[in-house]
Amino acid sequence: MEEERPLFYGESSKVRENHALGSMRSLWHEAYIVRRPRSPPVQATLSSLKMLDVGKWPIFSLCSEEELQLIRQACVFGNAGNEVLYSTVNDEIFVLGTNCSGCLGLGDAQSTIEPRRLDSLSGKKIACLSYGSGPHVVLATTEGEVFTWGHNAYSQLGNGTTNHGLVPCQISTNLSNKQVIEVACGSYHSLVLTSDGEVFAWGYNNSGQVGSGPTANQPIPRRVTGCLQNKVVVNIACGQMCSMAVVDTGEVYVWGYNGNGQLGLGSGGNQPTPCRVAALQGIRVQRVACGYAHTLVLTDEGQVYAWGANSYGQLGTGNKSNQSYPTPVVVEKDRIIEIAACHSTHTSAAKTQGGHVYMWGQCRGQSVILPHLTHFSCTDDVFACFATPAVSWRLLSVEPDDHLTVAESLKREFDNPDTADLKFLVDGKYIYAHKVLLKIRCEHFRSSLEDCEDDIIEMSEFSYPVYRAFLEYLYTDSISLSPEEAVGLLDLATFYRENRLKKLCQQTIKQGICEENAIALLSAAVKYDAQDLEDFCFRFCINHLTVVTQTSGFAEMDHDLLKNFISKASRVGAFKN
């Protein structure tokens, strides 16, 4: 069973939670008396929110319909999910709730059932936000500035003191020339990631979670070095008392508390400095997510591995045994594109490429030991409806339907015969476009359409699906194709020297690779000189060598490519017994 010892000695986490629950229960009671006349049911007020229904979090029942309509970003946090911070369409920031340890940043510790504006941050655009158990809050703006406030008994605010921070304070020590792009909080420690791939940490360090070597608390931001000294970090996460970093080569580095095997090192000893998870050798990780005492990682092949505490089934392995090594989580044949966990819960969630959302672990007090298919469309809903406490695992984003941005307006005009002034005839079918947009978006069209007075252009070099996808990309900045068709688009992107499109094609091919098409995709990568894609396809073939060598694609492989493949596979030891 995992350890749940309180970290705030002198007051147990359960006492604090009961206190918070009691405070909020009285708030709920008061809220319904005060507000019922002017607040219609929350669900009815949110029909225009297409990405996320914030009404699934109970605390939003304290907001009026008008207030809810203005929300663009939100984070529900606190030991009982009783605090919330949200930003509005006007870039104003509001807070609401029990205000434990002054975590609402209002300058006092008074509870509030009315949304109150956080004036000190008004006009700031939030890039990311995380919170601890005190709670304390760490927020980064789109300008890369860092602000902290709330509980600070262990220096987790990074301002050099142990006084609770009642108002947001900008943290600049060792960060003054850095742009912070990601933040993560453990129970009482904090991490930030900068745009140049460096990690800084501060706060509670009894188990080495700050990564400095000694276990004294760290009062100000200090760069995490050791094995990370010359690495470029691309993602960070915190468990209750541990820290994780993913580097650009796909390796995972871990440090801090390891009593439940949550570091994935095969042992139970704490790790005071970053250490690579050796068991993931040859596996390229893209993201890491930490629960209270368990860890999830997502690979570039869409596979999930888990390790650590498992008394609620939060590893998704079908049992409740802790794991100190990375263990595969079997969800379904569809690849995973998102993983979700939060250091204050024992709940795990994942979303597949097909849009299915799964959950496992502690779900409304029940132990779900295998990934369970939900009816949700986003992982955020799992935490709103099933996690204990019901908190956000990330900063929530809300997009309204009633206003079209410039980008959305352009998307609508693609292939619209009513407004188009140009038609492409491909495979006997028309694709409608706008000359001015094509000239703005593509160097090829800028020259080819300069003196063109035709309103129909015949295209025979590329297929209809490929050319349509290319034109749609110019309107939307995205592509939606099968990996096989993406190979044709990769050819087009190479021909037109559209490097960003080339990268998108490679990404699509990676997401759609399987044993049957792996050789064909490897061949395409070689043909179009897509080195990163070639390396990815080669690694996939090696990792699934037995099945790949039995496919028709392998049997029909080009002689020179086969010779090169066997030679390269031999060099990496693929044929050793």
Protein backbone atom coordinates (compact mmCIF):
# COMPACT_ATOMS: atom_id res chain seq x y z
CA MET A 1 0.00 0.00 0.00
CA GLU A 2 1.28 3.46 -0.76
CA GLU A 3 2.35 5.83 1.96
CA GLU A 4 -0.03 8.68 2.68
CA ARG A 5 1.85 10.36 5.51
CA PRO A 6 1.01 14.06 5.85
CA LEU A 7 3.79 16.43 4.88
CA PHE A 8 2.56 19.42 6.82
CA TYR A 9 3.54 18.23 10.27
CA GLY A 10 1.35 19.54 13.08
CA GLU A 11 -1.82 19.39 11.01
CA SER A 12 -2.81 16.26 9.09
CA SER A 13 -3.98 16.43 5.47
CA LYS A 14 -7.27 14.81 6.53
CA VAL A 15 -7.88 17.50 9.16
CA ARG A 16 -7.17 20.19 6.57
CA GLU A 17 -9.44 18.49 4.04
CA ASN A 18 -12.30 18.15 6.52
CA HIS A 19 -11.88 21.79 7.48
CA ALA A 20 -11.96 22.82 3.82
CA LEU A 21 -14.98 20.62 3.11
CA GLY A 22 -16.81 22.04 6.09
CA SER A 23 -16.01 25.60 5.01
CA MET A 24 -17.21 24.97 1.49
CA ARG A 25 -20.37 23.15 2.60
CA SER A 26 -21.32 26.30 4.46
CA LEU A 27 -20.42 28.28 1.34
CA TRP A 28 -22.64 26.04 -0.81
CA HIS A 29 -25.52 26.55 1.64
CA GLU A 30 -25.05 30.30 1.65
CA ALA A 31 -24.59 30.39 -2.10
CA TYR A 32 -27.87 28.64 -2.86
CA ILE A 33 -29.75 30.98 -0.51
CA VAL A 34 -28.12 34.11 -1.91
CA ARG A 35 -27.92 33.18 -5.56
CA ARG A 36 -30.74 30.84 -6.46
CA PRO A 37 -33.03 33.58 -7.79
CA ARG A 38 -30.60 34.71 -10.48
CA SER A 39 -28.69 31.52 -11.37
CA PRO A 40 -30.30 29.09 -13.83
CA PRO A 41 -28.95 25.51 -13.93
CA VAL A 42 -25.29 25.57 -14.94
CA GLN A 43 -25.68 22.96 -17.68
CA ALA A 44 -28.27 25.10 -19.44
CA THR A 45 -25.98 28.12 -19.51
CA LEU A 46 -23.03 26.42 -21.19
CA SER A 47 -24.44 25.25 -24.51
CA SER A 48 -22.01 27.47 -26.40
CA LEU A 49 -18.90 25.89 -24.87
CA LYS A 50 -17.65 23.36 -27.37
CA MET A 51 -14.37 22.20 -25.83
CA LEU A 52 -15.19 21.86 -22.17
CA ASP A 53 -18.18 22.07 -19.87
CA VAL A 54 -16.88 23.77 -16.70
CA GLY A 55 -20.28 23.06 -15.12
CA LYS A 56 -19.08 19.55 -14.32
CA TRP A 57 -17.06 21.10 -11.46
CA PRO A 58 -19.45 21.86 -8.57
CA ILE A 59 -17.70 25.08 -7.59
CA PHE A 60 -18.89 26.77 -10.80
CA SER A 61 -22.46 26.63 -9.52
CA LEU A 62 -21.43 29.73 -7.56
CA CYS A 63 -21.02 31.69 -10.81
CA SER A 64 -23.82 33.42 -12.69
CA GLU A 65 -24.67 32.70 -16.31
CA GLU A 66 -23.03 35.96 -17.37
CA GLU A 67 -19.82 35.11 -15.53
CA LEU A 68 -19.68 31.59 -16.99
CA GLN A 69 -20.02 32.90 -20.54
CA LEU A 70 -16.88 35.01 -20.11
CA ILE A 71 -14.60 32.17 -18.94
CA ARG A 72 -11.76 31.25 -21.31
CA GLN A 73 -9.31 29.44 -19.00
CA ALA A 74 -9.87 27.85 -15.59
CA CYS A 75 -8.20 25.76 -12.92
CA VAL A 76 -10.01 24.03 -10.06
CA PHE A 77 -7.65 23.17 -7.20
CA GLY A 78 -7.36 22.76 -3.42
CA ASN A 79 -7.54 19.80 -1.05
CA ALA A 80 -11.27 19.43 -1.67
CA GLY A 81 -11.56 21.07 -5.10
CA ASN A 82 -12.87 24.16 -3.34
CA GLU A 83 -10.79 26.85 -5.02
CA VAL A 84 -10.87 28.08 -8.61
CA LEU A 85 -8.96 30.60 -10.69
CA TYR A 86 -10.21 31.61 -14.11
CA SER A 87 -9.40 34.12 -16.83
CA THR A 88 -11.96 35.87 -19.00
CA VAL A 89 -12.25 37.00 -22.59
CA ASN A 90 -10.99 40.42 -21.41
CA ASP A 91 -7.78 38.92 -19.90
CA GLU A 92 -9.06 39.58 -16.40
CA ILE A 93 -8.35 36.94 -13.75
CA PHE A 94 -10.92 36.01 -11.09
CA VAL A 95 -10.75 33.69 -8.06
CA LEU A 96 -13.36 32.04 -5.87
CA GLY A 97 -13.53 29.57 -2.95
CA THR A 98 -12.30 28.74 0.54
CA ASN A 99 -8.92 30.51 0.15
CA CYS A 100 -6.83 28.12 2.29
CA SER A 101 -3.42 29.68 3.11
CA GLY A 102 -4.36 32.73 1.04
CA CYS A 103 -4.12 30.67 -2.15
CA LEU A 104 -6.59 32.93 -3.98
CA GLY A 105 -4.00 35.72 -3.91
CA LEU A 106 -6.46 38.38 -2.74
CA GLY A 107 -4.34 39.71 0.11
CA ASP A 108 -6.31 37.93 2.84
CA ALA A 109 -7.39 34.41 3.83
CA GLN A 110 -11.15 35.04 3.66
CA SER A 111 -13.43 32.63 1.81
CA THR A 112 -15.50 34.10 -1.00
CA ILE A 113 -18.58 32.86 -2.83
CA GLU A 114 -18.47 35.85 -5.18
CA PRO A 115 -15.83 35.80 -7.95
CA ARG A 116 -13.25 38.44 -7.03
CA ARG A 117 -10.86 39.97 -9.53
CA LEU A 118 -7.15 39.37 -9.01
CA ASP A 119 -6.12 42.92 -9.85
CA SER A 120 -2.38 42.31 -9.56
CA LEU A 121 -2.53 39.95 -12.57
CA SER A 122 -5.14 41.72 -14.69
CA GLY A 123 -4.03 42.05 -18.29
CA LYS A 124 -1.61 39.14 -17.94
CA LYS A 125 -2.25 36.22 -20.30
CA ILE A 126 -1.86 32.83 -18.60
CA ALA A 127 0.34 30.30 -20.39
CA CYS A 128 0.29 27.58 -17.73
CA LEU A 129 -0.51 27.04 -14.07
CA SER A 130 0.07 24.40 -11.41
CA TYR A 131 -0.69 24.08 -7.70
CA GLY A 132 0.47 22.23 -4.59
CA SER A 133 -1.20 20.72 -1.54
CA GLY A 134 -1.00 23.74 0.79
CA PRO A 135 -2.20 24.90 -1.62
CA HIS A 136 0.37 27.08 -3.34
CA VAL A 137 0.03 28.32 -6.91
CA VAL A 138 2.70 28.77 -9.60
CA LEU A 139 1.62 30.63 -12.75
CA ALA A 140 3.55 31.48 -15.92
CA THR A 141 2.41 34.19 -18.32
CA THR A 142 2.70 34.10 -22.10
CA GLU A 143 5.61 36.52 -21.64
CA GLY A 144 7.46 33.83 -19.67
CA GLU A 145 7.13 35.55 -16.26
CA VAL A 146 6.52 33.45 -13.13
CA PHE A 147 4.18 34.42 -10.26
CA THR A 148 3.62 32.44 -7.05
CA TRP A 149 1.38 32.76 -3.99
CA GLY A 150 -0.30 30.73 -1.23
CA HIS A 151 1.16 28.22 1.22
CA ASN A 152 4.89 28.66 1.83
CA ALA A 153 5.93 26.76 4.96
CA TYR A 154 8.58 24.92 2.91
CA SER A 155 9.72 27.80 0.64
CA GLN A 156 7.65 26.41 -2.24
CA LEU A 157 6.93 29.97 -3.47
CA GLY A 158 10.61 30.50 -4.30
CA ASN A 159 10.76 34.01 -2.85
CA GLY A 160 13.40 33.24 -0.22
CA THR A 161 10.96 33.23 2.75
CA THR A 162 8.67 30.79 4.54
CA ASN A 163 5.84 33.29 4.93
CA HIS A 164 2.56 32.49 3.19
CA GLY A 165 2.11 34.64 0.09
CA LEU A 166 -1.24 36.41 0.20
CA VAL A 167 -0.74 38.15 -3.15
CA PRO A 168 0.99 37.02 -6.39
CA CYS A 169 4.71 37.75 -6.32
CA GLN A 170 6.89 37.66 -9.42
CA ILE A 171 9.85 35.29 -9.02
CA SER A 172 12.91 36.55 -10.83
CA THR A 173 15.87 35.16 -8.87
CA ASN A 174 17.90 33.10 -11.38
CA LEU A 175 14.98 33.45 -13.82
CA SER A 176 15.30 37.12 -14.81
CA ASN A 177 16.62 36.41 -18.32
CA LYS A 178 14.64 33.20 -18.79
CA GLN A 179 11.29 32.59 -20.47
CA VAL A 180 9.31 29.98 -18.56
CA ILE A 181 7.11 27.79 -20.78
CA GLU A 182 5.89 25.11 -18.35
CA VAL A 183 5.32 24.82 -14.58
CA ALA A 184 4.72 21.86 -12.28
CA CYS A 185 4.06 21.56 -8.55
CA GLY A 186 4.42 18.67 -6.16
CA SER A 187 2.78 18.81 -2.76
CA TYR A 188 5.27 21.37 -1.44
CA HIS A 189 7.87 21.86 -4.17
CA SER A 190 7.87 23.61 -7.55
CA LEU A 191 9.50 23.13 -10.97
CA VAL A 192 9.63 25.36 -14.03
CA LEU A 193 10.88 24.67 -17.55
CA THR A 194 12.46 27.44 -19.63
CA SER A 195 12.38 27.95 -23.40
CA ASP A 196 16.02 26.88 -23.64
CA GLY A 197 15.27 23.50 -22.04
CA GLU A 198 16.50 24.19 -18.50
CA VAL A 199 14.70 23.10 -15.32
CA PHE A 200 14.65 25.16 -12.12
CA ALA A 201 13.33 23.82 -8.80
CA TRP A 202 12.66 25.05 -5.27
CA GLY A 203 10.74 24.24 -2.09
CA TYR A 204 10.41 21.15 0.11
CA ASN A 205 13.34 18.77 -0.37
CA ASN A 206 13.16 16.10 2.35
CA SER A 207 13.41 13.33 -0.27
CA GLY A 208 15.58 15.04 -2.87
CA GLN A 209 12.63 16.25 -4.98
CA VAL A 210 14.44 19.53 -5.74
CA GLY A 211 17.29 17.50 -7.30
CA SER A 212 20.16 19.42 -5.72
CA GLY A 213 21.87 16.49 -3.94
CA PRO A 214 21.48 17.60 -0.30
CA THR A 215 18.00 17.39 1.27
CA ALA A 216 17.77 20.89 2.73
CA ASN A 217 14.77 22.90 1.52
CA GLN A 218 15.54 25.19 -1.43
CA PRO A 219 14.26 28.78 -0.82
CA ILE A 220 14.85 30.20 -4.33
CA PRO A 221 14.87 28.78 -7.89
CA ARG A 222 17.96 26.71 -8.56
CA ARG A 223 18.80 25.05 -11.85
CA VAL A 224 18.57 21.25 -11.79
CA THR A 225 21.86 20.01 -13.24
CA GLY A 226 23.68 16.71 -12.76
CA CYS A 227 22.62 14.39 -15.60
CA LEU A 228 20.46 17.21 -17.03
CA GLN A 229 23.37 19.64 -17.34
CA ASN A 230 23.74 19.36 -21.12
CA LYS A 231 20.26 18.03 -21.92
CA VAL A 232 17.35 19.92 -23.50
CA VAL A 233 14.23 19.24 -21.42
CA VAL A 234 10.86 19.36 -23.24
CA ASN A 235 8.38 18.33 -20.51
CA ILE A 236 8.23 18.26 -16.69
CA ALA A 237 5.90 16.80 -14.05
CA CYS A 238 5.73 16.35 -10.27
CA GLY A 239 4.33 13.65 -8.05
CA GLN A 240 3.63 14.32 -4.39
CA MET A 241 7.34 14.29 -3.51
CA CYS A 242 9.12 13.44 -6.76
CA SER A 243 10.05 15.16 -10.03
CA MET A 244 10.29 14.06 -13.67
CA ALA A 245 11.74 15.49 -16.89
CA VAL A 246 11.57 14.32 -20.50
CA VAL A 247 14.46 15.40 -22.74
CA ASP A 248 14.38 15.97 -26.49
CA THR A 249 15.94 12.57 -27.18
CA GLY A 250 12.97 10.86 -25.52
CA GLU A 251 14.77 9.85 -22.33
CA VAL A 252 13.11 10.26 -18.91
CA TYR A 253 14.99 11.56 -15.86
CA VAL A 254 13.60 11.22 -12.34
CA TRP A 255 14.48 12.31 -8.80
CA GLY A 256 12.99 12.56 -5.31
CA TYR A 257 10.89 10.20 -3.19
CA ASN A 258 10.73 6.57 -4.34
CA GLY A 259 9.01 4.68 -1.52
CA ASN A 260 6.41 3.24 -3.90
CA GLY A 261 8.69 2.75 -6.91
CA GLN A 262 7.31 5.91 -8.56
CA LEU A 263 10.74 6.72 -10.04
CA GLY A 264 10.72 3.54 -12.15
CA LEU A 265 14.33 2.67 -11.29
CA GLY A 266 13.66 -0.87 -10.05
CA SER A 267 14.50 0.03 -6.46
CA GLY A 268 12.79 1.76 -3.54
CA GLY A 269 15.54 4.19 -2.58
CA ASN A 270 15.13 7.97 -2.87
CA GLN A 271 17.09 9.73 -5.60
CA PRO A 272 18.53 13.16 -4.65
CA THR A 273 19.70 14.04 -8.20
CA PRO A 274 18.29 13.30 -11.68
CA CYS A 275 18.69 9.70 -12.84
CA ARG A 276 17.71 8.24 -16.22
CA VAL A 277 15.02 5.54 -16.30
CA ALA A 278 17.21 2.85 -17.86
CA ALA A 279 14.32 0.41 -18.35
CA LEU A 280 12.98 2.71 -21.10
CA GLN A 281 16.14 2.26 -23.21
CA GLY A 282 15.20 2.37 -26.90
CA ILE A 283 11.76 3.82 -26.16
CA ARG A 284 11.22 7.47 -27.07
CA VAL A 285 8.95 9.20 -24.53
CA GLN A 286 7.03 12.35 -25.44
CA ARG A 287 5.13 13.20 -22.22
CA VAL A 288 5.16 12.28 -18.54
CA ALA A 289 2.31 12.67 -16.03
CA CYS A 290 2.46 12.06 -12.27
CA GLY A 291 -0.25 11.02 -9.84
CA TYR A 292 0.05 11.12 -6.05
CA ALA A 293 2.59 8.27 -6.10
CA HIS A 294 2.42 6.81 -9.61
CA THR A 295 3.81 7.78 -12.99
CA LEU A 296 2.55 7.54 -16.59
CA VAL A 297 4.56 8.15 -19.76
CA LEU A 298 3.41 8.39 -23.39
CA THR A 299 5.77 7.22 -26.16
CA ASP A 300 6.06 8.49 -29.71
CA GLU A 301 4.36 5.27 -30.83
CA GLY A 302 1.26 6.09 -28.77
CA GLN A 303 2.02 3.48 -26.08
CA VAL A 304 1.58 4.14 -22.35
CA TYR A 305 3.85 2.80 -19.60
CA ALA A 306 3.12 3.11 -15.88
CA TRP A 307 4.91 2.46 -12.61
CA GLY A 308 4.75 3.25 -8.90
CA ALA A 309 1.92 2.92 -6.35
CA ASN A 310 -1.03 0.78 -7.40
CA SER A 311 -3.29 0.23 -4.39
CA TYR A 312 -6.24 1.70 -6.33
CA GLY A 313 -5.33 0.13 -9.69
CA GLN A 314 -3.98 3.46 -10.93
CA LEU A 315 -1.34 1.70 -13.06
CA GLY A 316 -4.05 0.01 -15.13
CA THR A 317 -2.27 -3.34 -15.05
CA GLY A 318 -5.23 -5.44 -13.89
CA ASN A 319 -3.98 -5.85 -10.30
CA LYS A 320 -3.09 -3.73 -7.25
CA SER A 321 0.61 -4.55 -7.01
CA ASN A 322 3.10 -1.68 -6.98
CA GLN A 323 5.57 -1.66 -9.87
CA SER A 324 9.10 -0.26 -9.66
CA TYR A 325 9.76 -0.76 -13.40
CA PRO A 326 7.85 0.69 -16.40
CA THR A 327 4.94 -1.62 -17.27
CA PRO A 328 2.86 -1.36 -20.49
CA VAL A 329 -0.75 -0.23 -20.11
CA VAL A 330 -3.01 -1.96 -22.64
CA VAL A 331 -5.85 0.36 -23.63
CA GLU A 332 -6.92 -0.69 -27.13
CA LYS A 333 -5.38 -0.99 -30.59
CA ASP A 334 -5.89 2.73 -31.22
CA ARG A 335 -2.86 4.81 -30.27
CA ILE A 336 -2.92 7.06 -27.21
CA ILE A 337 -2.41 10.79 -27.84
CA GLU A 338 -2.88 12.16 -24.30
CA ILE A 339 -2.25 10.96 -20.75
CA ALA A 340 -3.55 12.61 -17.58
CA ALA A 341 -2.74 12.37 -13.88
CA CYS A 342 -2.52 14.80 -10.97
CA HIS A 343 -0.32 14.69 -7.85
CA SER A 344 -3.32 15.15 -5.54
CA THR A 345 -5.22 12.09 -6.87
CA HIS A 346 -4.81 8.36 -7.54
CA THR A 347 -6.69 8.61 -10.87
CA SER A 348 -5.33 8.04 -14.39
CA ALA A 349 -6.85 8.89 -17.76
CA ALA A 350 -5.94 8.68 -21.44
CA LYS A 351 -7.39 9.76 -24.78
CA THR A 352 -6.95 7.83 -28.03
CA GLN A 353 -6.47 9.12 -31.54
CA GLY A 354 -10.05 8.06 -32.26
CA GLY A 355 -11.31 10.33 -29.47
CA HIS A 356 -12.10 7.64 -26.87
CA VAL A 357 -11.37 8.58 -23.25
CA TYR A 358 -10.38 5.91 -20.70
CA MET A 359 -9.97 6.13 -16.93
CA TRP A 360 -8.60 3.86 -14.22
CA GLY A 361 -7.42 3.99 -10.60
CA GLN A 362 -9.47 5.62 -7.83
CA CYS A 363 -12.76 6.61 -9.50
CA ARG A 364 -15.41 7.95 -7.10
CA GLY A 365 -13.90 5.83 -4.33
CA GLN A 366 -13.91 2.63 -6.40
CA SER A 367 -10.74 0.85 -7.54
CA VAL A 368 -10.74 0.46 -11.34
CA ILE A 369 -7.76 -1.79 -12.11
CA LEU A 370 -8.00 -1.78 -15.93
CA PRO A 371 -8.60 1.14 -18.35
CA HIS A 372 -12.37 1.72 -18.52
CA LEU A 373 -13.98 3.31 -21.59
CA THR A 374 -16.00 6.39 -20.63
CA HIS A 375 -18.57 8.47 -22.51
CA PHE A 376 -16.44 11.60 -22.07
CA SER A 377 -14.84 13.51 -24.93
CA CYS A 378 -11.89 14.90 -22.91
CA THR A 379 -9.73 13.70 -20.03
CA ASP A 380 -10.60 16.82 -18.02
CA ASP A 381 -14.12 15.44 -17.47
CA VAL A 382 -12.68 12.33 -15.79
CA PHE A 383 -11.16 14.52 -13.07
CA ALA A 384 -14.28 16.67 -12.73
CA CYS A 385 -16.60 13.69 -12.28
CA PHE A 386 -14.53 10.82 -10.86
CA ALA A 387 -11.35 12.08 -9.16
CA THR A 388 -11.05 12.63 -5.40
CA PRO A 389 -10.74 15.56 -4.95
CA ALA A 390 -12.43 16.87 -8.12
CA VAL A 391 -9.59 19.08 -9.38
CA SER A 392 -8.17 20.05 -12.77
CA TRP A 393 -5.12 18.10 -13.90
CA ARG A 394 -4.15 21.02 -16.18
CA LEU A 395 -5.24 24.55 -17.06
CA LEU A 396 -8.62 24.20 -18.78
CA SER A 397 -9.35 25.95 -22.07
CA VAL A 398 -12.85 27.02 -23.11
CA GLU A 399 -13.63 28.11 -26.67
CA PRO A 400 -16.96 29.76 -27.57
CA ASP A 401 -18.87 28.95 -30.75
CA ASP A 402 -20.50 32.32 -31.18
CA HIS A 403 -17.45 34.23 -32.45
CA LEU A 404 -15.28 33.23 -35.40
CA THR A 405 -11.62 34.18 -35.33
CA VAL A 406 -9.80 35.07 -38.55
CA ALA A 407 -8.41 31.53 -38.65
CA GLU A 408 -11.85 29.99 -38.17
CA SER A 409 -13.33 32.21 -40.89
CA LEU A 410 -10.65 31.10 -43.35
CA LYS A 411 -11.30 27.44 -42.52
CA ARG A 412 -14.95 27.92 -43.42
CA GLU A 413 -14.10 29.38 -46.83
CA PHE A 414 -12.01 26.46 -48.02
CA ASP A 415 -13.61 24.71 -51.01
CA ASN A 416 -16.50 27.19 -50.98
CA PRO A 417 -17.73 27.76 -54.57
CA ASP A 418 -19.72 30.82 -53.51
CA THR A 419 -16.65 32.94 -52.69
CA ALA A 420 -13.85 31.20 -54.66
CA ASP A 421 -12.19 32.77 -57.72
CA LEU A 422 -10.11 29.72 -58.67
CA LYS A 423 -10.87 26.04 -59.34
CA PHE A 424 -8.40 23.14 -59.42
CA LEU A 425 -9.45 20.18 -61.55
CA VAL A 426 -7.93 17.01 -60.06
CA ASP A 427 -8.98 13.47 -61.06
CA GLY A 428 -12.13 14.91 -62.64
CA LYS A 429 -13.19 16.76 -59.46
CA TYR A 430 -13.09 20.45 -58.59
CA ILE A 431 -11.46 22.01 -55.51
CA TYR A 432 -12.43 25.66 -54.94
CA ALA A 433 -9.85 28.18 -53.69
CA HIS A 434 -9.00 31.88 -53.44
CA LYS A 435 -6.03 33.24 -55.37
CA VAL A 436 -5.09 35.90 -52.86
CA LEU A 437 -4.96 33.46 -49.95
CA LEU A 438 -2.87 30.95 -51.93
CA LYS A 439 -0.40 33.70 -52.84
CA ILE A 440 -0.18 34.84 -49.21
CA ARG A 441 0.31 31.34 -47.84
CA CYS A 442 2.54 29.60 -50.39
CA GLU A 443 5.71 30.68 -52.22
CA HIS A 444 4.91 28.37 -55.13
CA PHE A 445 1.55 30.04 -55.77
CA ARG A 446 3.00 33.50 -55.24
CA SER A 447 5.01 33.08 -58.43
CA SER A 448 2.76 30.73 -60.42
CA LEU A 449 -0.39 32.84 -59.95
CA GLU A 450 1.29 36.22 -60.39
CA ASP A 451 0.09 36.80 -63.96
CA CYS A 452 -2.46 34.01 -64.08
CA GLU A 453 -5.87 35.05 -65.34
CA ASP A 454 -7.28 31.52 -65.58
CA ASP A 455 -10.01 30.49 -63.19
CA ILE A 456 -9.43 26.75 -63.73
CA ILE A 457 -6.11 24.94 -63.26
CA GLU A 458 -5.76 21.26 -64.14
CA MET A 459 -3.51 19.21 -61.86
CA SER A 460 -2.31 15.75 -62.85
CA GLU A 461 0.91 15.32 -60.83
CA PHE A 462 -0.89 14.51 -57.57
CA SER A 463 -4.04 12.62 -56.57
CA TYR A 464 -7.27 14.37 -55.54
CA PRO A 465 -7.01 13.43 -51.80
CA VAL A 466 -3.40 14.62 -51.66
CA TYR A 467 -3.93 17.91 -53.49
CA ARG A 468 -7.12 18.64 -51.60
CA ALA A 469 -5.27 18.05 -48.31
CA PHE A 470 -2.52 20.42 -49.46
CA LEU A 471 -4.95 23.23 -50.29
CA GLU A 472 -6.89 22.63 -47.07
CA TYR A 473 -3.62 22.89 -45.12
CA LEU A 474 -3.11 26.38 -46.56
CA TYR A 475 -6.47 27.38 -45.06
CA THR A 476 -6.26 25.50 -41.75
CA ASP A 477 -2.58 24.88 -40.85
CA SER A 478 -3.48 21.23 -40.24
CA ILE A 479 -3.90 17.97 -42.17
CA SER A 480 -6.19 14.98 -41.76
CA LEU A 481 -5.04 12.01 -43.85
CA SER A 482 -4.28 8.31 -43.60
CA PRO A 483 -0.54 7.59 -43.24
CA GLU A 484 -0.47 6.18 -46.78
CA GLU A 485 -1.99 9.37 -48.25
CA ALA A 486 0.31 11.43 -46.03
CA VAL A 487 3.21 9.84 -47.93
CA GLY A 488 1.83 11.38 -51.14
CA LEU A 489 1.48 14.72 -49.37
CA LEU A 490 5.06 14.37 -48.14
CA ASP A 491 6.09 14.06 -51.80
CA LEU A 492 4.15 17.24 -52.62
CA ALA A 493 5.58 19.10 -49.62
CA THR A 494 9.09 18.14 -50.68
CA PHE A 495 8.37 19.26 -54.27
CA TYR A 496 6.93 22.62 -53.17
CA ARG A 497 9.57 23.06 -50.43
CA GLU A 498 6.91 23.43 -47.74
CA ASN A 499 9.02 22.43 -44.73
CA ARG A 500 6.33 22.86 -42.08
CA LEU A 501 3.92 20.72 -44.09
CA LYS A 502 6.67 18.16 -44.46
CA LYS A 503 6.97 17.96 -40.67
CA LEU A 504 3.18 17.59 -40.28
CA CYS A 505 3.19 14.74 -42.82
CA GLN A 506 5.95 13.00 -40.89
CA GLN A 507 3.96 13.41 -37.68
CA THR A 508 0.83 11.92 -39.31
CA ILE A 509 2.82 8.99 -40.67
CA LYS A 510 4.29 8.34 -37.22
CA GLN A 511 0.82 8.34 -35.65
CA GLY A 512 -0.51 5.87 -38.23
CA ILE A 513 2.36 3.42 -38.39
CA CYS A 514 1.63 -0.27 -37.80
CA GLU A 515 3.36 -3.57 -38.55
CA GLU A 516 1.64 -3.91 -41.96
CA ASN A 517 2.63 -0.52 -43.36
CA ALA A 518 5.93 0.05 -41.52
CA ILE A 519 8.18 -1.00 -44.43
CA ALA A 520 6.24 1.10 -46.96
CA LEU A 521 6.51 4.13 -44.69
CA LEU A 522 10.23 3.48 -44.12
CA SER A 523 10.72 3.35 -47.89
CA ALA A 524 8.88 6.67 -48.29
CA ALA A 525 10.99 8.30 -45.58
CA VAL A 526 14.18 7.21 -47.36
CA LYS A 527 12.84 8.35 -50.75
CA TYR A 528 11.93 11.83 -49.53
CA ASP A 529 15.03 12.28 -47.37
CA ALA A 530 12.98 12.62 -44.15
CA GLN A 531 15.71 11.60 -41.71
CA ASP A 532 13.73 11.92 -38.48
CA LEU A 533 10.88 9.87 -39.97
CA GLU A 534 13.32 7.30 -41.30
CA ASP A 535 14.84 6.87 -37.82
CA PHE A 536 11.36 6.54 -36.31
CA CYS A 537 10.19 3.94 -38.87
CA PHE A 538 13.43 2.00 -38.49
CA ARG A 539 13.06 1.91 -34.68
CA PHE A 540 9.44 0.78 -35.06
CA CYS A 541 10.50 -2.04 -37.41
CA ILE A 542 13.21 -3.19 -34.99
CA ASN A 543 10.80 -3.08 -32.02
CA HIS A 544 8.26 -5.20 -33.98
CA LEU A 545 10.78 -7.15 -36.04
CA THR A 546 9.16 -10.60 -35.92
CA VAL A 547 5.79 -9.40 -37.21
CA VAL A 548 7.24 -6.87 -39.68
CA THR A 549 9.43 -9.50 -41.40
CA GLN A 550 6.34 -11.62 -42.03
CA THR A 551 4.43 -8.89 -43.89
CA SER A 552 4.01 -8.64 -47.67
CA GLY A 553 5.73 -5.24 -47.53
CA PHE A 554 8.91 -6.85 -46.23
CA ALA A 555 8.74 -9.61 -48.87
CA GLU A 556 8.43 -6.99 -51.64
CA MET A 557 11.06 -4.64 -50.20
CA ASP A 558 13.46 -2.94 -52.63
CA HIS A 559 16.75 -4.88 -52.80
CA ASP A 560 19.02 -1.95 -51.87
CA LEU A 561 16.71 -0.85 -49.07
CA LEU A 562 16.55 -4.42 -47.73
CA LYS A 563 20.33 -4.71 -47.81
CA ASN A 564 20.70 -1.42 -45.98
CA PHE A 565 17.97 -2.36 -43.47
CA ILE A 566 19.60 -5.70 -42.59
CA SER A 567 23.00 -4.06 -42.22
CA LYS A 568 21.64 -1.32 -39.96
CA ALA A 569 19.53 -3.79 -37.93
CA SER A 570 22.58 -5.96 -37.41
CA ARG A 571 24.57 -3.01 -36.09
CA VAL A 572 21.98 -2.35 -33.39
CA GLY A 573 21.94 -6.01 -32.34
CA ALA A 574 18.50 -6.92 -33.71
CA PHE A 575 19.57 -10.44 -34.70
CA LYS A 576 21.29 -11.44 -31.46
CA ASN A 577 19.77 -14.36 -29.57
